[in-house]
């Protein structure tokens, strides 16, 4: 969680049972914002 909160993602990989797919992330700070929101709710 600490590394996700401090780094902006520009690509994301999803693993499927038949392989994987790469996706470009356009809102690169979305994950940081969401994690910070969830952590503040504790």
PDB file of N, CA and C in Angstrom:
ATOM      1  N   UNK A   1       0.817  -1.187   0.000  1.00  0.00           N
ATOM      2  CA  UNK A   1       0.000   0.000   0.000  1.00  0.00           C
ATOM      3  C   UNK A   1       0.864   1.256   0.000  1.00  0.00           C
ATOM      4  N   UNK A   2       1.965   1.235   0.751  1.00  0.00           N
ATOM      5  CA  UNK A   2       2.808   2.428   0.808  1.00  0.00           C
ATOM      6  C   UNK A   2       3.360   2.779  -0.563  1.00  0.00           C
ATOM      7  N   UNK A   3       3.794   1.771  -1.313  1.00  0.00           N
ATOM      8  CA  UNK A   3       4.355   2.077  -2.631  1.00  0.00           C
ATOM      9  C   UNK A   3       3.278   2.552  -3.599  1.00  0.00           C
ATOM     10  N   UNK A   4       2.054   2.044  -3.481  1.00  0.00           N
ATOM     11  CA  UNK A   4       0.962   2.503  -4.337  1.00  0.00           C
ATOM     12  C   UNK A   4       0.552   3.937  -4.004  1.00  0.00           C
ATOM     13  N   UNK A   5       0.640   4.308  -2.741  1.00  0.00           N
ATOM     14  CA  UNK A   5       0.253   5.664  -2.327  1.00  0.00           C
ATOM     15  C   UNK A   5       1.260   6.713  -2.780  1.00  0.00           C
ATOM     16  N   UNK A   6       2.489   6.293  -3.063  1.00  0.00           N
ATOM     17  CA  UNK A   6       3.516   7.282  -3.377  1.00  0.00           C
ATOM     18  C   UNK A   6       3.955   7.286  -4.843  1.00  0.00           C
ATOM     19  N   UNK A   7       3.367   6.449  -5.667  1.00  0.00           N
ATOM     20  CA  UNK A   7       3.785   6.433  -7.075  1.00  0.00           C
ATOM     21  C   UNK A   7       2.576   6.552  -7.992  1.00  0.00           C
ATOM     22  N   UNK A   8       2.765   7.313  -9.055  1.00  0.00           N
ATOM     23  CA  UNK A   8       1.693   7.493 -10.024  1.00  0.00           C
ATOM     24  C   UNK A   8       1.801   6.414 -11.093  1.00  0.00           C
ATOM     25  N   UNK A   9       0.688   5.786 -11.406  1.00  0.00           N
ATOM     26  CA  UNK A   9       0.671   4.730 -12.408  1.00  0.00           C
ATOM     27  C   UNK A   9       0.344   5.307 -13.776  1.00  0.00           C
ATOM     28  N   UNK A  10       1.064   4.863 -14.785  1.00  0.00           N
ATOM     29  CA  UNK A  10       0.725   5.278 -16.145  1.00  0.00           C
ATOM     30  C   UNK A  10       0.296   4.082 -16.997  1.00  0.00           C
ATOM     31  N   UNK A  11       0.528   2.878 -16.495  1.00  0.00           N
ATOM     32  CA  UNK A  11       0.071   1.656 -17.156  1.00  0.00           C
ATOM     33  C   UNK A  11      -0.392   0.671 -16.094  1.00  0.00           C
ATOM     34  N   UNK A  12      -1.310  -0.195 -16.487  1.00  0.00           N
ATOM     35  CA  UNK A  12      -1.842  -1.191 -15.571  1.00  0.00           C
ATOM     36  C   UNK A  12      -1.953  -2.506 -16.326  1.00  0.00           C
ATOM     37  N   UNK A  13      -1.582  -3.611 -15.694  1.00  0.00           N
ATOM     38  CA  UNK A  13      -1.649  -4.929 -16.326  1.00  0.00           C
ATOM     39  C   UNK A  13      -2.658  -5.780 -15.554  1.00  0.00           C
ATOM     40  N   UNK A  14      -3.567  -6.401 -16.294  1.00  0.00           N
ATOM     41  CA  UNK A  14      -4.560  -7.293 -15.709  1.00  0.00           C
ATOM     42  C   UNK A  14      -4.243  -8.708 -16.168  1.00  0.00           C
ATOM     43  N   UNK A  15      -4.110  -9.614 -15.204  1.00  0.00           N
ATOM     44  CA  UNK A  15      -3.825 -11.004 -15.512  1.00  0.00           C
ATOM     45  C   UNK A  15      -5.141 -11.777 -15.588  1.00  0.00           C
ATOM     46  N   UNK A  16      -5.357 -12.450 -16.696  1.00  0.00           N
ATOM     47  CA  UNK A  16      -6.514 -13.310 -16.911  1.00  0.00           C
ATOM     48  C   UNK A  16      -6.030 -14.755 -16.896  1.00  0.00           C
ATOM     49  N   UNK A  17      -6.938 -15.691 -16.854  1.00  0.00           N
ATOM     50  CA  UNK A  17      -6.543 -17.100 -16.876  1.00  0.00           C
ATOM     51  C   UNK A  17      -5.929 -17.480 -18.224  1.00  0.00           C
ATOM     52  N   UNK A  18      -6.233 -16.720 -19.268  1.00  0.00           N
ATOM     53  CA  UNK A  18      -5.718 -17.031 -20.596  1.00  0.00           C
ATOM     54  C   UNK A  18      -4.557 -16.132 -21.012  1.00  0.00           C
ATOM     55  N   UNK A  19      -4.118 -15.234 -20.146  1.00  0.00           N
ATOM     56  CA  UNK A  19      -3.020 -14.326 -20.486  1.00  0.00           C
ATOM     57  C   UNK A  19      -3.143 -13.018 -19.740  1.00  0.00           C
ATOM     58  N   UNK A  20      -2.703 -11.934 -20.352  1.00  0.00           N
ATOM     59  CA  UNK A  20      -2.768 -10.633 -19.701  1.00  0.00           C
ATOM     60  C   UNK A  20      -3.052  -9.557 -20.735  1.00  0.00           C
ATOM     61  N   UNK A  21      -3.505  -8.400 -20.215  1.00  0.00           N
ATOM     62  CA  UNK A  21      -3.731  -7.224 -21.052  1.00  0.00           C
ATOM     63  C   UNK A  21      -3.152  -6.016 -20.350  1.00  0.00           C
ATOM     64  N   UNK A  22      -2.547  -5.107 -21.120  1.00  0.00           N
ATOM     65  CA  UNK A  22      -2.017  -3.854 -20.600  1.00  0.00           C
ATOM     66  C   UNK A  22      -2.974  -2.722 -20.950  1.00  0.00           C
ATOM     67  N   UNK A  23      -3.162  -1.817 -20.015  1.00  0.00           N
ATOM     68  CA  UNK A  23      -4.044  -0.676 -20.213  1.00  0.00           C
ATOM     69  C   UNK A  23      -3.288   0.600 -19.865  1.00  0.00           C
ATOM     70  N   UNK A  24      -3.486   1.651 -20.642  1.00  0.00           N
ATOM     71  CA  UNK A  24      -2.947   2.971 -20.311  1.00  0.00           C
ATOM     72  C   UNK A  24      -3.855   3.613 -19.271  1.00  0.00           C
ATOM     73  N   UNK A  25      -3.243   4.277 -18.308  1.00  0.00           N
ATOM     74  CA  UNK A  25      -3.987   4.987 -17.264  1.00  0.00           C
ATOM     75  C   UNK A  25      -3.876   6.476 -17.567  1.00  0.00           C
ATOM     76  N   UNK A  26      -5.012   7.144 -17.700  1.00  0.00           N
ATOM     77  CA  UNK A  26      -5.021   8.558 -18.046  1.00  0.00           C
ATOM     78  C   UNK A  26      -5.139   9.460 -16.816  1.00  0.00           C
ATOM     79  N   UNK A  27      -5.851   9.027 -15.802  1.00  0.00           N
ATOM     80  CA  UNK A  27      -5.965   9.786 -14.555  1.00  0.00           C
ATOM     81  C   UNK A  27      -4.965   9.177 -13.575  1.00  0.00           C
ATOM     82  N   UNK A  28      -3.692   9.590 -13.690  1.00  0.00           N
ATOM     83  CA  UNK A  28      -2.612   8.878 -13.011  1.00  0.00           C
ATOM     84  C   UNK A  28      -2.619   9.029 -11.493  1.00  0.00           C
ATOM     85  N   UNK A  29      -3.306  10.023 -10.969  1.00  0.00           N
ATOM     86  CA  UNK A  29      -3.339  10.167  -9.516  1.00  0.00           C
ATOM     87  C   UNK A  29      -4.630   9.626  -8.899  1.00  0.00           C
ATOM     88  N   UNK A  30      -5.462   8.963  -9.670  1.00  0.00           N
ATOM     89  CA  UNK A  30      -6.720   8.420  -9.149  1.00  0.00           C
ATOM     90  C   UNK A  30      -6.478   7.402  -8.045  1.00  0.00           C
ATOM     91  N   UNK A  31      -5.556   6.475  -8.256  1.00  0.00           N
ATOM     92  CA  UNK A  31      -5.302   5.442  -7.256  1.00  0.00           C
ATOM     93  C   UNK A  31      -4.776   6.049  -5.959  1.00  0.00           C
ATOM     94  N   UNK A  32      -3.911   7.037  -6.076  1.00  0.00           N
ATOM     95  CA  UNK A  32      -3.379   7.707  -4.884  1.00  0.00           C
ATOM     96  C   UNK A  32      -4.513   8.373  -4.116  1.00  0.00           C
ATOM     97  N   UNK A  33      -5.380   9.070  -4.818  1.00  0.00           N
ATOM     98  CA  UNK A  33      -6.505   9.757  -4.188  1.00  0.00           C
ATOM     99  C   UNK A  33      -7.451   8.764  -3.513  1.00  0.00           C
ATOM    100  N   UNK A  34      -7.755   7.673  -4.192  1.00  0.00           N
ATOM    101  CA  UNK A  34      -8.679   6.687  -3.643  1.00  0.00           C
ATOM    102  C   UNK A  34      -8.098   5.989  -2.420  1.00  0.00           C
ATOM    103  N   UNK A  35      -6.824   5.622  -2.470  1.00  0.00           N
ATOM    104  CA  UNK A  35      -6.189   4.968  -1.323  1.00  0.00           C
ATOM    105  C   UNK A  35      -6.144   5.908  -0.134  1.00  0.00           C
ATOM    106  N   UNK A  36      -5.793   7.166  -0.359  1.00  0.00           N
ATOM    107  CA  UNK A  36      -5.754   8.135   0.740  1.00  0.00           C
ATOM    108  C   UNK A  36      -7.140   8.311   1.358  1.00  0.00           C
ATOM    109  N   UNK A  37      -8.174   8.315   0.530  1.00  0.00           N
ATOM    110  CA  UNK A  37      -9.537   8.441   1.038  1.00  0.00           C
ATOM    111  C   UNK A  37      -9.897   7.225   1.899  1.00  0.00           C
ATOM    112  N   UNK A  38      -9.592   6.040   1.400  1.00  0.00           N
ATOM    113  CA  UNK A  38      -9.903   4.822   2.149  1.00  0.00           C
ATOM    114  C   UNK A  38      -9.129   4.765   3.459  1.00  0.00           C
ATOM    115  N   UNK A  39      -7.864   5.179   3.445  1.00  0.00           N
ATOM    116  CA  UNK A  39      -7.042   5.135   4.658  1.00  0.00           C
ATOM    117  C   UNK A  39      -7.507   6.159   5.683  1.00  0.00           C
ATOM    118  N   UNK A  40      -8.100   7.255   5.251  1.00  0.00           N
ATOM    119  CA  UNK A  40      -8.560   8.268   6.191  1.00  0.00           C
ATOM    120  C   UNK A  40      -9.879   7.854   6.863  1.00  0.00           C
ATOM    121  N   UNK A  41     -10.552   6.856   6.332  1.00  0.00           N
ATOM    122  CA  UNK A  41     -11.825   6.396   6.886  1.00  0.00           C
ATOM    123  C   UNK A  41     -11.645   5.436   8.056  1.00  0.00           C
ATOM    124  N   UNK A  42     -10.414   5.039   8.371  1.00  0.00           N
ATOM    125  CA  UNK A  42     -10.158   4.101   9.465  1.00  0.00           C
ATOM    126  C   UNK A  42     -10.458   4.699  10.801  1.00  0.00           C
TER     127      UNK A  42
END
